[in-house]
Amino acid sequence: MRPNASARHLTSRVVPALIACLTAGIAAADTARQGGQVDEEVCAACHGRGVARAPQLGDRRQWAPLIREGQPTLTAHAWVGIRGMPPRGGRADLSLEAFAGGVAYMAQRAGANWQPPDPALLKRIEAEVRKREARLKARGGKAD
């Protein structure tokens, strides 16, 4: 009877941990897939066609200076709008998480090691958004 108790104890600890790992992997794959979908539905309209000097998907040279800004900064600037890019890429219905996934997807295609946003990264992006909005407000709403 002792081995069964030990097996039950092991099962009660290992199975939930295994399920958590599998669920996290599925969620990460789903988030990455969503980033590609956002790119196709929103970003590609400009980043896939050379509109208004938008850096093209996969062009490492064009994306390099943007990638150096860092994921939170670049995502926040794009979210608020920068140069010829409208806020949220012109899609007011996008969530910050979905938008950030699209930015990460495009940066990855240009060689960045950016991951889809997790809660900690989203907080950093939100902080950058607040800074960016404050700077724009101080300039009377004029973008870079």
N, C-alpha and C. Protein backbone atom coordinates (compact mmCIF):
# COMPACT_ATOMS: atom_id res chain seq x y z
N MET A 1 0.82 -1.18 0.00
CA MET A 1 0.00 0.00 0.00
C MET A 1 0.87 1.26 0.00
N ARG A 2 2.03 1.15 0.51
CA ARG A 2 2.94 2.28 0.54
C ARG A 2 3.30 2.79 -0.87
N PRO A 3 3.62 1.90 -1.84
CA PRO A 3 3.96 2.39 -3.18
C PRO A 3 2.81 3.16 -3.82
N ASN A 4 1.57 2.74 -3.62
CA ASN A 4 0.43 3.45 -4.19
C ASN A 4 0.31 4.86 -3.62
N ALA A 5 0.53 5.01 -2.31
CA ALA A 5 0.48 6.33 -1.69
C ALA A 5 1.56 7.22 -2.26
N SER A 6 2.74 6.65 -2.47
CA SER A 6 3.84 7.42 -3.03
C SER A 6 3.53 7.82 -4.47
N ALA A 7 2.97 6.92 -5.25
CA ALA A 7 2.61 7.20 -6.63
C ALA A 7 1.54 8.27 -6.70
N ARG A 8 0.55 8.19 -5.80
CA ARG A 8 -0.51 9.20 -5.78
C ARG A 8 0.08 10.57 -5.43
N HIS A 9 0.99 10.58 -4.46
CA HIS A 9 1.63 11.84 -4.06
C HIS A 9 2.41 12.43 -5.24
N LEU A 10 3.18 11.59 -5.93
CA LEU A 10 3.96 12.04 -7.06
C LEU A 10 3.04 12.55 -8.17
N THR A 11 2.00 11.81 -8.46
CA THR A 11 1.05 12.19 -9.49
C THR A 11 0.37 13.51 -9.14
N SER A 12 0.03 13.68 -7.88
CA SER A 12 -0.65 14.91 -7.48
C SER A 12 0.24 16.14 -7.63
N ARG A 13 1.55 15.95 -7.66
CA ARG A 13 2.47 17.07 -7.81
C ARG A 13 2.97 17.23 -9.25
N VAL A 14 3.25 16.14 -9.92
CA VAL A 14 3.84 16.20 -11.25
C VAL A 14 2.81 16.55 -12.31
N VAL A 15 1.64 15.95 -12.25
CA VAL A 15 0.64 16.17 -13.28
C VAL A 15 0.24 17.65 -13.36
N PRO A 16 -0.07 18.32 -12.24
CA PRO A 16 -0.39 19.75 -12.37
C PRO A 16 0.76 20.58 -12.93
N ALA A 17 1.98 20.25 -12.56
CA ALA A 17 3.13 20.99 -13.09
C ALA A 17 3.26 20.76 -14.59
N LEU A 18 3.06 19.54 -15.03
CA LEU A 18 3.13 19.23 -16.45
C LEU A 18 2.03 19.96 -17.21
N ILE A 19 0.84 19.98 -16.68
CA ILE A 19 -0.27 20.69 -17.32
C ILE A 19 0.04 22.17 -17.42
N ALA A 20 0.60 22.75 -16.37
CA ALA A 20 0.95 24.18 -16.39
C ALA A 20 1.98 24.47 -17.47
N CYS A 21 2.97 23.62 -17.60
CA CYS A 21 4.00 23.81 -18.64
C CYS A 21 3.40 23.72 -20.04
N LEU A 22 2.57 22.73 -20.26
CA LEU A 22 1.95 22.57 -21.57
C LEU A 22 1.04 23.75 -21.89
N THR A 23 0.28 24.20 -20.92
CA THR A 23 -0.63 25.33 -21.12
C THR A 23 0.16 26.59 -21.45
N ALA A 24 1.25 26.82 -20.74
CA ALA A 24 2.09 27.99 -21.01
C ALA A 24 2.66 27.93 -22.42
N GLY A 25 3.08 26.76 -22.86
CA GLY A 25 3.61 26.61 -24.21
C GLY A 25 2.57 26.87 -25.27
N ILE A 26 1.36 26.40 -25.04
CA ILE A 26 0.26 26.64 -25.98
C ILE A 26 -0.07 28.12 -26.01
N ALA A 27 -0.12 28.76 -24.83
CA ALA A 27 -0.43 30.19 -24.76
C ALA A 27 0.63 31.01 -25.49
N ALA A 28 1.90 30.66 -25.33
CA ALA A 28 2.98 31.39 -26.01
C ALA A 28 2.87 31.23 -27.52
N ALA A 29 2.58 30.02 -27.97
CA ALA A 29 2.42 29.79 -29.41
C ALA A 29 1.22 30.57 -29.94
N ASP A 30 0.13 30.61 -29.17
CA ASP A 30 -1.06 31.34 -29.58
C ASP A 30 -0.77 32.84 -29.66
N THR A 31 -0.03 33.37 -28.68
CA THR A 31 0.32 34.79 -28.68
C THR A 31 1.20 35.12 -29.87
N ALA A 32 2.16 34.27 -30.19
CA ALA A 32 3.01 34.50 -31.36
C ALA A 32 2.18 34.46 -32.64
N ARG A 33 1.26 33.54 -32.73
CA ARG A 33 0.38 33.45 -33.90
C ARG A 33 -0.45 34.73 -34.02
N GLN A 34 -0.91 35.26 -32.89
CA GLN A 34 -1.68 36.49 -32.90
C GLN A 34 -0.84 37.66 -33.42
N GLY A 35 0.47 37.69 -33.05
CA GLY A 35 1.34 38.74 -33.55
C GLY A 35 1.43 38.72 -35.07
N GLY A 36 1.53 37.53 -35.63
CA GLY A 36 1.54 37.40 -37.09
C GLY A 36 0.23 37.83 -37.71
N GLN A 37 -0.86 37.54 -37.02
CA GLN A 37 -2.18 37.92 -37.52
C GLN A 37 -2.33 39.44 -37.49
N VAL A 38 -1.88 40.09 -36.42
CA VAL A 38 -1.93 41.55 -36.33
C VAL A 38 -1.09 42.14 -37.46
N ASP A 39 0.09 41.58 -37.70
CA ASP A 39 0.92 42.07 -38.80
C ASP A 39 0.16 41.98 -40.12
N GLU A 40 -0.44 40.84 -40.40
CA GLU A 40 -1.16 40.65 -41.66
C GLU A 40 -2.35 41.60 -41.80
N GLU A 41 -3.10 41.76 -40.70
CA GLU A 41 -4.34 42.55 -40.76
C GLU A 41 -4.13 44.05 -40.64
N VAL A 42 -3.06 44.47 -39.99
CA VAL A 42 -2.87 45.89 -39.72
C VAL A 42 -1.54 46.41 -40.26
N CYS A 43 -0.46 45.84 -39.78
CA CYS A 43 0.87 46.39 -40.03
C CYS A 43 1.30 46.28 -41.50
N ALA A 44 0.96 45.19 -42.14
CA ALA A 44 1.42 44.94 -43.51
C ALA A 44 0.93 45.99 -44.49
N ALA A 45 -0.15 46.68 -44.16
CA ALA A 45 -0.65 47.72 -45.06
C ALA A 45 0.42 48.76 -45.34
N CYS A 46 1.27 49.03 -44.37
CA CYS A 46 2.37 49.99 -44.58
C CYS A 46 3.73 49.32 -44.54
N HIS A 47 3.93 48.42 -43.57
CA HIS A 47 5.23 47.78 -43.39
C HIS A 47 5.49 46.67 -44.41
N GLY A 48 4.51 46.38 -45.22
CA GLY A 48 4.69 45.39 -46.27
C GLY A 48 4.70 46.00 -47.66
N ARG A 49 4.49 47.32 -47.72
CA ARG A 49 4.37 47.96 -49.03
C ARG A 49 5.23 49.21 -49.20
N GLY A 50 6.01 49.57 -48.22
CA GLY A 50 6.87 50.74 -48.34
C GLY A 50 6.16 52.06 -48.23
N VAL A 51 5.01 52.07 -47.59
CA VAL A 51 4.24 53.30 -47.44
C VAL A 51 4.92 54.23 -46.44
N ALA A 52 5.02 55.50 -46.81
CA ALA A 52 5.51 56.56 -45.92
C ALA A 52 6.80 56.19 -45.18
N ARG A 53 7.71 55.59 -45.89
CA ARG A 53 9.02 55.21 -45.33
C ARG A 53 8.91 54.25 -44.14
N ALA A 54 7.85 53.51 -44.06
CA ALA A 54 7.70 52.52 -42.98
C ALA A 54 8.75 51.43 -43.17
N PRO A 55 9.45 51.05 -42.09
CA PRO A 55 10.44 49.97 -42.24
C PRO A 55 9.75 48.69 -42.68
N GLN A 56 10.32 48.07 -43.70
CA GLN A 56 9.70 46.89 -44.29
C GLN A 56 9.96 45.63 -43.49
N LEU A 57 8.95 44.78 -43.44
CA LEU A 57 9.04 43.52 -42.74
C LEU A 57 10.26 42.74 -43.22
N GLY A 58 11.12 42.36 -42.28
CA GLY A 58 12.29 41.55 -42.59
C GLY A 58 13.53 42.33 -43.01
N ASP A 59 13.43 43.65 -43.17
CA ASP A 59 14.58 44.44 -43.59
C ASP A 59 15.42 44.81 -42.36
N ARG A 60 16.47 44.05 -42.15
CA ARG A 60 17.32 44.24 -40.95
C ARG A 60 17.91 45.64 -40.87
N ARG A 61 18.33 46.19 -41.99
CA ARG A 61 18.94 47.52 -42.00
C ARG A 61 17.95 48.58 -41.54
N GLN A 62 16.74 48.52 -42.05
CA GLN A 62 15.73 49.51 -41.67
C GLN A 62 15.30 49.36 -40.21
N TRP A 63 15.24 48.14 -39.74
CA TRP A 63 14.75 47.90 -38.38
C TRP A 63 15.83 48.05 -37.31
N ALA A 64 17.10 47.95 -37.67
CA ALA A 64 18.19 47.96 -36.68
C ALA A 64 18.12 49.14 -35.71
N PRO A 65 17.98 50.39 -36.17
CA PRO A 65 17.94 51.49 -35.20
C PRO A 65 16.69 51.44 -34.31
N LEU A 66 15.62 50.92 -34.84
CA LEU A 66 14.39 50.82 -34.06
C LEU A 66 14.52 49.73 -33.00
N ILE A 67 15.10 48.62 -33.37
CA ILE A 67 15.31 47.52 -32.43
C ILE A 67 16.22 47.97 -31.29
N ARG A 68 17.22 48.80 -31.61
CA ARG A 68 18.12 49.30 -30.56
C ARG A 68 17.38 50.15 -29.52
N GLU A 69 16.27 50.76 -29.90
CA GLU A 69 15.48 51.53 -28.93
C GLU A 69 14.96 50.64 -27.80
N GLY A 70 14.76 49.39 -28.09
CA GLY A 70 14.24 48.45 -27.12
C GLY A 70 12.75 48.21 -27.30
N GLN A 71 12.32 47.06 -26.89
CA GLN A 71 10.94 46.65 -27.12
C GLN A 71 9.92 47.56 -26.44
N PRO A 72 10.10 47.91 -25.15
CA PRO A 72 9.09 48.78 -24.53
C PRO A 72 9.00 50.16 -25.19
N THR A 73 10.15 50.74 -25.52
CA THR A 73 10.16 52.09 -26.10
C THR A 73 9.57 52.09 -27.50
N LEU A 74 10.04 51.20 -28.35
CA LEU A 74 9.53 51.17 -29.72
C LEU A 74 8.03 50.88 -29.74
N THR A 75 7.60 49.93 -28.95
CA THR A 75 6.18 49.58 -28.92
C THR A 75 5.35 50.76 -28.44
N ALA A 76 5.80 51.45 -27.38
CA ALA A 76 5.06 52.59 -26.85
C ALA A 76 4.98 53.72 -27.87
N HIS A 77 6.09 54.01 -28.55
CA HIS A 77 6.08 55.08 -29.55
C HIS A 77 5.12 54.75 -30.68
N ALA A 78 5.15 53.52 -31.14
CA ALA A 78 4.25 53.12 -32.22
C ALA A 78 2.79 53.13 -31.74
N TRP A 79 2.55 52.74 -30.51
CA TRP A 79 1.20 52.71 -29.94
C TRP A 79 0.60 54.12 -29.93
N VAL A 80 1.41 55.10 -29.54
CA VAL A 80 0.96 56.48 -29.44
C VAL A 80 0.94 57.15 -30.82
N GLY A 81 1.82 56.69 -31.71
CA GLY A 81 1.95 57.28 -33.03
C GLY A 81 3.26 58.03 -33.13
N ILE A 82 3.94 57.84 -34.23
CA ILE A 82 5.23 58.50 -34.41
C ILE A 82 5.45 58.76 -35.90
N ARG A 83 6.03 59.93 -36.18
CA ARG A 83 6.25 60.36 -37.56
C ARG A 83 4.95 60.17 -38.36
N GLY A 84 4.97 59.44 -39.46
CA GLY A 84 3.77 59.27 -40.27
C GLY A 84 2.85 58.16 -39.81
N MET A 85 3.24 57.47 -38.76
CA MET A 85 2.44 56.33 -38.30
C MET A 85 1.34 56.80 -37.34
N PRO A 86 0.10 56.46 -37.65
CA PRO A 86 -0.98 56.84 -36.73
C PRO A 86 -0.96 55.97 -35.47
N PRO A 87 -1.53 56.47 -34.39
CA PRO A 87 -1.61 55.64 -33.18
C PRO A 87 -2.22 54.27 -33.48
N ARG A 88 -1.63 53.25 -32.86
CA ARG A 88 -2.11 51.87 -32.99
C ARG A 88 -2.15 51.39 -34.44
N GLY A 89 -1.35 52.00 -35.28
CA GLY A 89 -1.34 51.62 -36.69
C GLY A 89 -2.65 51.93 -37.38
N GLY A 90 -3.43 52.82 -36.79
CA GLY A 90 -4.72 53.19 -37.37
C GLY A 90 -5.87 52.29 -36.94
N ARG A 91 -5.63 51.38 -36.02
CA ARG A 91 -6.68 50.46 -35.56
C ARG A 91 -6.97 50.70 -34.08
N ALA A 92 -7.88 51.60 -33.80
CA ALA A 92 -8.21 51.99 -32.42
C ALA A 92 -8.77 50.82 -31.61
N ASP A 93 -9.24 49.77 -32.26
CA ASP A 93 -9.83 48.64 -31.54
C ASP A 93 -8.80 47.63 -31.04
N LEU A 94 -7.53 47.80 -31.37
CA LEU A 94 -6.50 46.85 -30.93
C LEU A 94 -6.18 47.04 -29.45
N SER A 95 -5.99 45.94 -28.76
CA SER A 95 -5.51 46.01 -27.38
C SER A 95 -4.00 46.24 -27.42
N LEU A 96 -3.46 46.76 -26.32
CA LEU A 96 -2.02 46.96 -26.25
C LEU A 96 -1.30 45.63 -26.39
N GLU A 97 -1.83 44.58 -25.80
CA GLU A 97 -1.19 43.27 -25.88
C GLU A 97 -1.12 42.77 -27.33
N ALA A 98 -2.22 42.90 -28.06
CA ALA A 98 -2.23 42.45 -29.46
C ALA A 98 -1.28 43.30 -30.30
N PHE A 99 -1.31 44.61 -30.08
CA PHE A 99 -0.43 45.51 -30.82
C PHE A 99 1.03 45.18 -30.53
N ALA A 100 1.36 45.01 -29.25
CA ALA A 100 2.74 44.69 -28.86
C ALA A 100 3.18 43.36 -29.46
N GLY A 101 2.26 42.42 -29.59
CA GLY A 101 2.58 41.15 -30.24
C GLY A 101 2.92 41.35 -31.71
N GLY A 102 2.19 42.24 -32.38
CA GLY A 102 2.48 42.54 -33.77
C GLY A 102 3.84 43.20 -33.94
N VAL A 103 4.17 44.12 -33.04
CA VAL A 103 5.49 44.78 -33.09
C VAL A 103 6.60 43.75 -32.86
N ALA A 104 6.41 42.89 -31.87
CA ALA A 104 7.41 41.85 -31.58
C ALA A 104 7.59 40.94 -32.79
N TYR A 105 6.50 40.57 -33.42
CA TYR A 105 6.55 39.71 -34.61
C TYR A 105 7.40 40.37 -35.71
N MET A 106 7.14 41.65 -35.98
CA MET A 106 7.89 42.33 -37.04
C MET A 106 9.36 42.47 -36.68
N ALA A 107 9.66 42.79 -35.42
CA ALA A 107 11.05 42.93 -34.99
C ALA A 107 11.78 41.58 -35.09
N GLN A 108 11.09 40.50 -34.74
CA GLN A 108 11.70 39.17 -34.87
C GLN A 108 12.09 38.89 -36.31
N ARG A 109 11.26 39.28 -37.25
CA ARG A 109 11.53 39.03 -38.66
C ARG A 109 12.75 39.82 -39.15
N ALA A 110 13.13 40.84 -38.37
CA ALA A 110 14.30 41.64 -38.73
C ALA A 110 15.50 41.29 -37.85
N GLY A 111 15.41 40.18 -37.13
CA GLY A 111 16.55 39.69 -36.36
C GLY A 111 16.52 39.94 -34.87
N ALA A 112 15.51 40.62 -34.35
CA ALA A 112 15.44 40.87 -32.90
C ALA A 112 15.03 39.61 -32.16
N ASN A 113 15.47 39.52 -30.94
CA ASN A 113 15.09 38.40 -30.08
C ASN A 113 13.98 38.84 -29.13
N TRP A 114 12.94 39.43 -29.68
CA TRP A 114 11.83 39.93 -28.87
C TRP A 114 10.77 38.85 -28.73
N GLN A 115 10.17 38.82 -27.56
CA GLN A 115 9.14 37.85 -27.28
C GLN A 115 7.78 38.53 -27.24
N PRO A 116 6.71 37.77 -27.46
CA PRO A 116 5.38 38.35 -27.27
C PRO A 116 5.28 38.87 -25.84
N PRO A 117 4.48 39.90 -25.63
CA PRO A 117 4.45 40.54 -24.31
C PRO A 117 3.85 39.66 -23.23
N ASP A 118 4.52 39.66 -22.08
CA ASP A 118 3.97 39.04 -20.89
C ASP A 118 3.52 40.19 -19.97
N PRO A 119 2.88 39.90 -18.84
CA PRO A 119 2.38 40.98 -17.98
C PRO A 119 3.46 41.98 -17.55
N ALA A 120 4.65 41.51 -17.25
CA ALA A 120 5.73 42.42 -16.82
C ALA A 120 6.14 43.35 -17.96
N LEU A 121 6.28 42.81 -19.16
CA LEU A 121 6.64 43.64 -20.30
C LEU A 121 5.52 44.64 -20.61
N LEU A 122 4.28 44.21 -20.52
CA LEU A 122 3.17 45.13 -20.77
C LEU A 122 3.20 46.31 -19.80
N LYS A 123 3.57 46.07 -18.56
CA LYS A 123 3.67 47.17 -17.58
C LYS A 123 4.77 48.15 -17.99
N ARG A 124 5.89 47.62 -18.48
CA ARG A 124 6.98 48.49 -18.93
C ARG A 124 6.55 49.30 -20.15
N ILE A 125 5.82 48.67 -21.05
CA ILE A 125 5.32 49.37 -22.23
C ILE A 125 4.33 50.46 -21.81
N GLU A 126 3.42 50.13 -20.90
CA GLU A 126 2.45 51.12 -20.41
C GLU A 126 3.14 52.32 -19.78
N ALA A 127 4.22 52.09 -19.04
CA ALA A 127 4.98 53.19 -18.44
C ALA A 127 5.59 54.07 -19.54
N GLU A 128 6.12 53.45 -20.58
CA GLU A 128 6.68 54.20 -21.71
C GLU A 128 5.59 54.97 -22.45
N VAL A 129 4.41 54.38 -22.57
CA VAL A 129 3.28 55.08 -23.21
C VAL A 129 2.97 56.36 -22.44
N ARG A 130 2.90 56.25 -21.11
CA ARG A 130 2.59 57.45 -20.30
C ARG A 130 3.66 58.53 -20.49
N LYS A 131 4.94 58.13 -20.53
CA LYS A 131 6.02 59.10 -20.76
C LYS A 131 5.88 59.76 -22.13
N ARG A 132 5.61 58.95 -23.13
CA ARG A 132 5.48 59.45 -24.50
C ARG A 132 4.31 60.42 -24.61
N GLU A 133 3.18 60.06 -24.02
CA GLU A 133 2.02 60.93 -24.07
C GLU A 133 2.28 62.25 -23.34
N ALA A 134 3.00 62.21 -22.23
CA ALA A 134 3.35 63.43 -21.50
C ALA A 134 4.25 64.32 -22.35
N ARG A 135 5.23 63.72 -23.04
CA ARG A 135 6.11 64.51 -23.91
C ARG A 135 5.32 65.16 -25.05
N LEU A 136 4.42 64.40 -25.64
CA LEU A 136 3.60 64.95 -26.72
C LEU A 136 2.71 66.08 -26.22
N LYS A 137 2.15 65.91 -25.06
CA LYS A 137 1.29 66.94 -24.48
C LYS A 137 2.10 68.21 -24.22
N ALA A 138 3.32 68.06 -23.74
CA ALA A 138 4.19 69.21 -23.47
C ALA A 138 4.55 69.94 -24.77
N ARG A 139 4.57 69.23 -25.89
CA ARG A 139 4.88 69.83 -27.20
C ARG A 139 3.63 70.31 -27.92
N GLY A 140 2.52 70.26 -27.26
CA GLY A 140 1.27 70.67 -27.89
C GLY A 140 0.73 69.63 -28.85
N GLY A 141 1.07 68.36 -28.62
CA GLY A 141 0.55 67.27 -29.43
C GLY A 141 1.34 66.99 -30.70
N LYS A 142 2.46 67.68 -30.88
CA LYS A 142 3.25 67.48 -32.09
C LYS A 142 4.16 66.27 -31.94
N ALA A 143 4.05 65.34 -32.87
CA ALA A 143 4.87 64.12 -32.86
C ALA A 143 6.25 64.42 -33.43
N ASP A 144 7.14 63.44 -33.27
CA ASP A 144 8.50 63.56 -33.80
C ASP A 144 8.49 63.61 -35.30
